[in-house]
Full PDB file with SEQRES, HELIX, SHEET, SSBOND, CRYST1, ORIGX, SCALE, CONECT and MASTER records, all heavy atoms in Angstrom:
SEQRES   1 A   29  GLY ALA LEU SER ALA SER GLY THR ASP MET GLY ARG PHE          
SEQRES   2 A   29  MET ILE ALA HIS LEU GLN HIS GLY GLU LEU ASP GLY GLN          
SEQRES   3 A   29  ARG ILE LEU                                                  
HELIX    1 AA1 GLY A    7  LEU A   18  1                                  12    
SHEET    1 AA1 2 GLU A  22  LEU A  23  0                                        
SHEET    2 AA1 2 GLN A  26  ARG A  27 -1                                        
CRYST1    1.000    1.000    1.000  90.00  90.00  90.00 P 1           1          
ORIGX1      1.000000  0.000000  0.000000        0.00000                         
ORIGX2      0.000000  1.000000  0.000000        0.00000                         
ORIGX3      0.000000  0.000000  1.000000        0.00000                         
SCALE1      1.000000  0.000000  0.000000        0.00000                         
SCALE2      0.000000  1.000000  0.000000        0.00000                         
SCALE3      0.000000  0.000000  1.000000        0.00000                         
ATOM      1  N   GLY A   1     -25.666   5.583   4.869  1.00  0.00           N  
ATOM      2  CA  GLY A   1     -25.901   4.512   5.832  1.00  0.00           C  
ATOM      3  C   GLY A   1     -26.195   3.138   5.288  1.00  0.00           C  
ATOM      4  O   GLY A   1     -26.759   2.316   6.008  1.00  0.00           O  
ATOM      5  N   ALA A   2     -25.820   2.816   4.047  1.00  0.00           N  
ATOM      6  CA  ALA A   2     -26.235   1.550   3.445  1.00  0.00           C  
ATOM      7  C   ALA A   2     -25.212   0.428   3.574  1.00  0.00           C  
ATOM      8  O   ALA A   2     -25.439  -0.664   3.077  1.00  0.00           O  
ATOM      9  CB  ALA A   2     -26.560   1.760   1.965  1.00  0.00           C  
ATOM     10  N   LEU A   3     -24.100   0.642   4.235  1.00  0.00           N  
ATOM     11  CA  LEU A   3     -23.062  -0.374   4.330  1.00  0.00           C  
ATOM     12  C   LEU A   3     -23.567  -1.630   5.039  1.00  0.00           C  
ATOM     13  O   LEU A   3     -24.308  -1.565   6.026  1.00  0.00           O  
ATOM     14  CB  LEU A   3     -21.860   0.196   5.096  1.00  0.00           C  
ATOM     15  CG  LEU A   3     -20.688  -0.750   5.368  1.00  0.00           C  
ATOM     16  CD1 LEU A   3     -20.065  -1.242   4.064  1.00  0.00           C  
ATOM     17  CD2 LEU A   3     -19.642  -0.058   6.242  1.00  0.00           C  
ATOM     18  N   SER A   4     -23.156  -2.786   4.509  1.00  0.00           N  
ATOM     19  CA  SER A   4     -23.287  -4.076   5.197  1.00  0.00           C  
ATOM     20  C   SER A   4     -21.874  -4.612   5.325  1.00  0.00           C  
ATOM     21  O   SER A   4     -21.140  -4.666   4.324  1.00  0.00           O  
ATOM     22  CB  SER A   4     -24.144  -5.053   4.392  1.00  0.00           C  
ATOM     23  OG  SER A   4     -25.439  -4.543   4.171  1.00  0.00           O  
ATOM     24  N   ALA A   5     -21.453  -5.025   6.527  1.00  0.00           N  
ATOM     25  CA  ALA A   5     -20.058  -5.422   6.714  1.00  0.00           C  
ATOM     26  C   ALA A   5     -19.921  -6.400   7.867  1.00  0.00           C  
ATOM     27  O   ALA A   5     -20.683  -6.360   8.842  1.00  0.00           O  
ATOM     28  CB  ALA A   5     -19.179  -4.199   6.962  1.00  0.00           C  
ATOM     29  N   SER A   6     -18.906  -7.249   7.764  1.00  0.00           N  
ATOM     30  CA  SER A   6     -18.579  -8.148   8.876  1.00  0.00           C  
ATOM     31  C   SER A   6     -17.771  -7.393   9.921  1.00  0.00           C  
ATOM     32  O   SER A   6     -17.198  -6.329   9.657  1.00  0.00           O  
ATOM     33  CB  SER A   6     -17.770  -9.340   8.363  1.00  0.00           C  
ATOM     34  OG  SER A   6     -16.478  -8.917   7.940  1.00  0.00           O  
ATOM     35  N   GLY A   7     -17.696  -7.977  11.097  1.00  0.00           N  
ATOM     36  CA  GLY A   7     -16.928  -7.348  12.171  1.00  0.00           C  
ATOM     37  C   GLY A   7     -15.458  -7.236  11.844  1.00  0.00           C  
ATOM     38  O   GLY A   7     -14.833  -6.192  12.073  1.00  0.00           O  
ATOM     39  N   THR A   8     -14.873  -8.301  11.293  1.00  0.00           N  
ATOM     40  CA  THR A   8     -13.440  -8.251  11.011  1.00  0.00           C  
ATOM     41  C   THR A   8     -13.121  -7.280   9.876  1.00  0.00           C  
ATOM     42  O   THR A   8     -12.054  -6.656   9.876  1.00  0.00           O  
ATOM     43  CB  THR A   8     -12.907  -9.651  10.669  1.00  0.00           C  
ATOM     44  OG1 THR A   8     -13.739 -10.252   9.665  1.00  0.00           O  
ATOM     45  CG2 THR A   8     -12.899 -10.546  11.904  1.00  0.00           C  
ATOM     46  N   ASP A   9     -14.043  -7.148   8.922  1.00  0.00           N  
ATOM     47  CA  ASP A   9     -13.825  -6.135   7.886  1.00  0.00           C  
ATOM     48  C   ASP A   9     -13.772  -4.738   8.496  1.00  0.00           C  
ATOM     49  O   ASP A   9     -12.940  -3.900   8.112  1.00  0.00           O  
ATOM     50  CB  ASP A   9     -14.935  -6.198   6.833  1.00  0.00           C  
ATOM     51  CG  ASP A   9     -14.619  -7.186   5.719  1.00  0.00           C  
ATOM     52  OD1 ASP A   9     -13.665  -7.972   5.869  1.00  0.00           O  
ATOM     53  OD2 ASP A   9     -15.334  -7.173   4.700  1.00  0.00           O  
ATOM     54  N   MET A  10     -14.662  -4.477   9.443  1.00  0.00           N  
ATOM     55  CA  MET A  10     -14.638  -3.168  10.097  1.00  0.00           C  
ATOM     56  C   MET A  10     -13.368  -3.001  10.918  1.00  0.00           C  
ATOM     57  O   MET A  10     -12.851  -1.889  11.069  1.00  0.00           O  
ATOM     58  CB  MET A  10     -15.887  -2.981  10.965  1.00  0.00           C  
ATOM     59  CG  MET A  10     -17.188  -2.900  10.173  1.00  0.00           C  
ATOM     60  SD  MET A  10     -17.186  -1.624   8.881  1.00  0.00           S  
ATOM     61  CE  MET A  10     -17.012  -0.122   9.857  1.00  0.00           C  
ATOM     62  N   GLY A  11     -12.834  -4.114  11.420  1.00  0.00           N  
ATOM     63  CA  GLY A  11     -11.548  -4.062  12.101  1.00  0.00           C  
ATOM     64  C   GLY A  11     -10.445  -3.620  11.157  1.00  0.00           C  
ATOM     65  O   GLY A  11      -9.580  -2.800  11.511  1.00  0.00           O  
ATOM     66  N   ARG A  12     -10.447  -4.128   9.936  1.00  0.00           N  
ATOM     67  CA  ARG A  12      -9.441  -3.741   8.946  1.00  0.00           C  
ATOM     68  C   ARG A  12      -9.591  -2.265   8.570  1.00  0.00           C  
ATOM     69  O   ARG A  12      -8.589  -1.559   8.376  1.00  0.00           O  
ATOM     70  CB  ARG A  12      -9.549  -4.635   7.712  1.00  0.00           C  
ATOM     71  CG  ARG A  12      -9.275  -6.099   7.995  1.00  0.00           C  
ATOM     72  CD  ARG A  12      -9.370  -6.963   6.759  1.00  0.00           C  
ATOM     73  NE  ARG A  12      -8.296  -6.702   5.811  1.00  0.00           N  
ATOM     74  CZ  ARG A  12      -7.062  -7.182   5.913  1.00  0.00           C  
ATOM     75  NH1 ARG A  12      -6.734  -7.952   6.934  1.00  0.00           N  
ATOM     76  NH2 ARG A  12      -6.153  -6.887   5.000  1.00  0.00           N  
ATOM     77  N   PHE A  13     -10.820  -1.804   8.483  1.00  0.00           N  
ATOM     78  CA  PHE A  13     -11.054  -0.390   8.183  1.00  0.00           C  
ATOM     79  C   PHE A  13     -10.500   0.491   9.302  1.00  0.00           C  
ATOM     80  O   PHE A  13      -9.859   1.525   9.040  1.00  0.00           O  
ATOM     81  CB  PHE A  13     -12.552  -0.158   7.998  1.00  0.00           C  
ATOM     82  CG  PHE A  13     -12.924   1.250   7.623  1.00  0.00           C  
ATOM     83  CD1 PHE A  13     -12.742   1.719   6.331  1.00  0.00           C  
ATOM     84  CD2 PHE A  13     -13.472   2.119   8.562  1.00  0.00           C  
ATOM     85  CE1 PHE A  13     -13.081   3.020   5.978  1.00  0.00           C  
ATOM     86  CE2 PHE A  13     -13.824   3.421   8.226  1.00  0.00           C  
ATOM     87  CZ  PHE A  13     -13.622   3.865   6.929  1.00  0.00           C  
ATOM     88  N   MET A  14     -10.713   0.072  10.568  1.00  0.00           N  
ATOM     89  CA  MET A  14     -10.187   0.844  11.693  1.00  0.00           C  
ATOM     90  C   MET A  14      -8.665   0.889  11.663  1.00  0.00           C  
ATOM     91  O   MET A  14      -8.051   1.947  11.885  1.00  0.00           O  
ATOM     92  CB  MET A  14     -10.673   0.245  13.014  1.00  0.00           C  
ATOM     93  CG  MET A  14     -12.146   0.458  13.300  1.00  0.00           C  
ATOM     94  SD  MET A  14     -12.612   0.078  15.020  1.00  0.00           S  
ATOM     95  CE  MET A  14     -12.395  -1.701  15.056  1.00  0.00           C  
ATOM     96  N   ILE A  15      -8.037  -0.255  11.386  1.00  0.00           N  
ATOM     97  CA  ILE A  15      -6.573  -0.296  11.364  1.00  0.00           C  
ATOM     98  C   ILE A  15      -6.026   0.653  10.308  1.00  0.00           C  
ATOM     99  O   ILE A  15      -5.042   1.380  10.540  1.00  0.00           O  
ATOM    100  CB  ILE A  15      -6.082  -1.729  11.110  1.00  0.00           C  
ATOM    101  CG1 ILE A  15      -6.433  -2.633  12.303  1.00  0.00           C  
ATOM    102  CG2 ILE A  15      -4.573  -1.747  10.884  1.00  0.00           C  
ATOM    103  CD1 ILE A  15      -6.211  -4.111  12.040  1.00  0.00           C  
ATOM    104  N   ALA A  16      -6.638   0.672   9.132  1.00  0.00           N  
ATOM    105  CA  ALA A  16      -6.166   1.557   8.068  1.00  0.00           C  
ATOM    106  C   ALA A  16      -6.177   3.011   8.514  1.00  0.00           C  
ATOM    107  O   ALA A  16      -5.226   3.772   8.233  1.00  0.00           O  
ATOM    108  CB  ALA A  16      -7.029   1.374   6.816  1.00  0.00           C  
ATOM    109  N   HIS A  17      -7.220   3.413   9.216  1.00  0.00           N  
ATOM    110  CA  HIS A  17      -7.273   4.813   9.672  1.00  0.00           C  
ATOM    111  C   HIS A  17      -6.313   5.056  10.836  1.00  0.00           C  
ATOM    112  O   HIS A  17      -5.712   6.141  10.929  1.00  0.00           O  
ATOM    113  CB  HIS A  17      -8.708   5.197  10.034  1.00  0.00           C  
ATOM    114  CG  HIS A  17      -9.498   5.659   8.848  1.00  0.00           C  
ATOM    115  ND1 HIS A  17      -9.377   6.916   8.323  1.00  0.00           N  
ATOM    116  CD2 HIS A  17     -10.394   5.010   8.063  1.00  0.00           C  
ATOM    117  CE1 HIS A  17     -10.166   7.042   7.261  1.00  0.00           C  
ATOM    118  NE2 HIS A  17     -10.794   5.895   7.079  1.00  0.00           N  
ATOM    119  N   LEU A  18      -6.155   4.080  11.709  1.00  0.00           N  
ATOM    120  CA  LEU A  18      -5.199   4.242  12.807  1.00  0.00           C  
ATOM    121  C   LEU A  18      -3.772   4.331  12.280  1.00  0.00           C  
ATOM    122  O   LEU A  18      -2.906   4.938  12.917  1.00  0.00           O  
ATOM    123  CB  LEU A  18      -5.323   3.068  13.782  1.00  0.00           C  
ATOM    124  CG  LEU A  18      -6.560   3.088  14.693  1.00  0.00           C  
ATOM    125  CD1 LEU A  18      -6.762   1.729  15.348  1.00  0.00           C  
ATOM    126  CD2 LEU A  18      -6.438   4.173  15.757  1.00  0.00           C  
ATOM    127  N   GLN A  19      -3.520   3.725  11.105  1.00  0.00           N  
ATOM    128  CA  GLN A  19      -2.183   3.732  10.510  1.00  0.00           C  
ATOM    129  C   GLN A  19      -2.071   4.771   9.392  1.00  0.00           C  
ATOM    130  O   GLN A  19      -1.330   4.585   8.428  1.00  0.00           O  
ATOM    131  CB  GLN A  19      -1.843   2.328   9.995  1.00  0.00           C  
ATOM    132  CG  GLN A  19      -1.752   1.312  11.129  1.00  0.00           C  
ATOM    133  CD  GLN A  19      -1.272  -0.056  10.679  1.00  0.00           C  
ATOM    134  OE1 GLN A  19      -0.747  -0.814  11.481  1.00  0.00           O  
ATOM    135  NE2 GLN A  19      -1.443  -0.385   9.407  1.00  0.00           N  
ATOM    136  N   HIS A  20      -2.824   5.841   9.536  1.00  0.00           N  
ATOM    137  CA  HIS A  20      -2.708   6.992   8.635  1.00  0.00           C  
ATOM    138  C   HIS A  20      -2.979   6.616   7.179  1.00  0.00           C  
ATOM    139  O   HIS A  20      -2.339   7.128   6.262  1.00  0.00           O  
ATOM    140  CB  HIS A  20      -1.330   7.651   8.767  1.00  0.00           C  
ATOM    141  CG  HIS A  20      -0.931   7.948  10.180  1.00  0.00           C  
ATOM    142  ND1 HIS A  20      -1.381   9.039  10.869  1.00  0.00           N  
ATOM    143  CD2 HIS A  20      -0.142   7.250  11.049  1.00  0.00           C  
ATOM    144  CE1 HIS A  20      -0.885   9.029  12.100  1.00  0.00           C  
ATOM    145  NE2 HIS A  20      -0.131   7.954  12.235  1.00  0.00           N  
ATOM    146  N   GLY A  21      -3.963   5.723   6.970  1.00  0.00           N  
ATOM    147  CA  GLY A  21      -4.407   5.423   5.617  1.00  0.00           C  
ATOM    148  C   GLY A  21      -3.788   4.208   4.973  1.00  0.00           C  
ATOM    149  O   GLY A  21      -3.965   4.015   3.759  1.00  0.00           O  
ATOM    150  N   GLU A  22      -3.108   3.332   5.740  1.00  0.00           N  
ATOM    151  CA  GLU A  22      -2.406   2.205   5.138  1.00  0.00           C  
ATOM    152  C   GLU A  22      -2.671   0.912   5.908  1.00  0.00           C  
ATOM    153  O   GLU A  22      -2.800   0.913   7.128  1.00  0.00           O  
ATOM    154  CB  GLU A  22      -0.907   2.491   5.123  1.00  0.00           C  
ATOM    155  CG  GLU A  22      -0.060   1.446   4.443  1.00  0.00           C  
ATOM    156  CD  GLU A  22       0.417   0.337   5.378  1.00  0.00           C  
ATOM    157  OE1 GLU A  22       0.486   0.586   6.613  1.00  0.00           O  
ATOM    158  OE2 GLU A  22       0.703  -0.771   4.886  1.00  0.00           O  
ATOM    159  N   LEU A  23      -2.760  -0.201   5.172  1.00  0.00           N  
ATOM    160  CA  LEU A  23      -2.913  -1.527   5.773  1.00  0.00           C  
ATOM    161  C   LEU A  23      -2.253  -2.554   4.863  1.00  0.00           C  
ATOM    162  O   LEU A  23      -2.559  -2.621   3.661  1.00  0.00           O  
ATOM    163  CB  LEU A  23      -4.394  -1.873   5.964  1.00  0.00           C  
ATOM    164  CG  LEU A  23      -4.703  -3.296   6.435  1.00  0.00           C  
ATOM    165  CD1 LEU A  23      -4.139  -3.519   7.844  1.00  0.00           C  
ATOM    166  CD2 LEU A  23      -6.208  -3.570   6.431  1.00  0.00           C  
ATOM    167  N   ASP A  24      -1.368  -3.332   5.439  1.00  0.00           N  
ATOM    168  CA  ASP A  24      -0.698  -4.424   4.717  1.00  0.00           C  
ATOM    169  C   ASP A  24      -0.082  -3.948   3.403  1.00  0.00           C  
ATOM    170  O   ASP A  24      -0.173  -4.613   2.356  1.00  0.00           O  
ATOM    171  CB  ASP A  24      -1.680  -5.564   4.437  1.00  0.00           C  
ATOM    172  CG  ASP A  24      -2.188  -6.221   5.709  1.00  0.00           C  
ATOM    173  OD1 ASP A  24      -1.510  -6.111   6.747  1.00  0.00           O  
ATOM    174  OD2 ASP A  24      -3.269  -6.842   5.654  1.00  0.00           O  
ATOM    175  N   GLY A  25       0.511  -2.776   3.438  1.00  0.00           N  
ATOM    176  CA  GLY A  25       1.163  -2.251   2.250  1.00  0.00           C  
ATOM    177  C   GLY A  25       0.239  -1.588   1.254  1.00  0.00           C  
ATOM    178  O   GLY A  25       0.695  -1.050   0.237  1.00  0.00           O  
ATOM    179  N   GLN A  26      -1.051  -1.618   1.516  1.00  0.00           N  
ATOM    180  CA  GLN A  26      -2.028  -0.971   0.645  1.00  0.00           C  
ATOM    181  C   GLN A  26      -2.423   0.372   1.255  1.00  0.00           C  
ATOM    182  O   GLN A  26      -2.881   0.431   2.395  1.00  0.00           O  
ATOM    183  CB  GLN A  26      -3.268  -1.850   0.484  1.00  0.00           C  
ATOM    184  CG  GLN A  26      -3.012  -3.161  -0.213  1.00  0.00           C  
ATOM    185  CD  GLN A  26      -2.618  -2.972  -1.665  1.00  0.00           C  
ATOM    186  OE1 GLN A  26      -3.248  -2.197  -2.389  1.00  0.00           O  
ATOM    187  NE2 GLN A  26      -1.574  -3.676  -2.096  1.00  0.00           N  
ATOM    188  N   ARG A  27      -2.230   1.428   0.499  1.00  0.00           N  
ATOM    189  CA  ARG A  27      -2.538   2.768   1.021  1.00  0.00           C  
ATOM    190  C   ARG A  27      -3.810   3.296   0.365  1.00  0.00           C  
ATOM    191  O   ARG A  27      -3.888   3.380  -0.862  1.00  0.00           O  
ATOM    192  CB  ARG A  27      -1.378   3.729   0.767  1.00  0.00           C  
ATOM    193  CG  ARG A  27      -1.627   5.146   1.292  1.00  0.00           C  
ATOM    194  CD  ARG A  27      -0.356   5.929   1.424  1.00  0.00           C  
ATOM    195  NE  ARG A  27       0.514   5.438   2.481  1.00  0.00           N  
ATOM    196  CZ  ARG A  27       0.314   5.665   3.779  1.00  0.00           C  
ATOM    197  NH1 ARG A  27      -0.749   6.385   4.175  1.00  0.00           N  
ATOM    198  NH2 ARG A  27       1.129   5.175   4.670  1.00  0.00           N  
ATOM    199  N   ILE A  28      -4.826   3.623   1.202  1.00  0.00           N  
ATOM    200  CA  ILE A  28      -6.062   4.185   0.665  1.00  0.00           C  
ATOM    201  C   ILE A  28      -6.095   5.704   0.780  1.00  0.00           C  
ATOM    202  O   ILE A  28      -6.917   6.355   0.132  1.00  0.00           O  
ATOM    203  CB  ILE A  28      -7.304   3.581   1.364  1.00  0.00           C  
ATOM    204  CG1 ILE A  28      -7.282   3.856   2.868  1.00  0.00           C  
ATOM    205  CG2 ILE A  28      -7.423   2.105   1.063  1.00  0.00           C  
ATOM    206  CD1 ILE A  28      -8.589   3.531   3.581  1.00  0.00           C  
ATOM    207  N   LEU A  29      -5.213   6.259   1.599  1.00  0.00           N  
ATOM    208  CA  LEU A  29      -5.102   7.714   1.735  1.00  0.00           C  
ATOM    209  C   LEU A  29      -3.641   8.080   1.920  1.00  0.00           C  
ATOM    210  O   LEU A  29      -2.918   7.391   2.663  1.00  0.00           O  
ATOM    211  CB  LEU A  29      -5.890   8.227   2.949  1.00  0.00           C  
ATOM    212  CG  LEU A  29      -7.412   8.240   2.908  1.00  0.00           C  
ATOM    213  CD1 LEU A  29      -7.971   8.602   4.281  1.00  0.00           C  
ATOM    214  CD2 LEU A  29      -7.925   9.215   1.859  1.00  0.00           C  
TER     215      LEU A  29                                                      
MASTER        0    0    0    1    2    0    0    6  214    1    0    3          
END                                                                             
């Protein structure tokens, strides 16, 4: 539970998971 994050950063995290692990050509899973 130690994360500190901006709202838009959390938006990018959500998009990556909604897109099966990828965002802007970068794949984390």
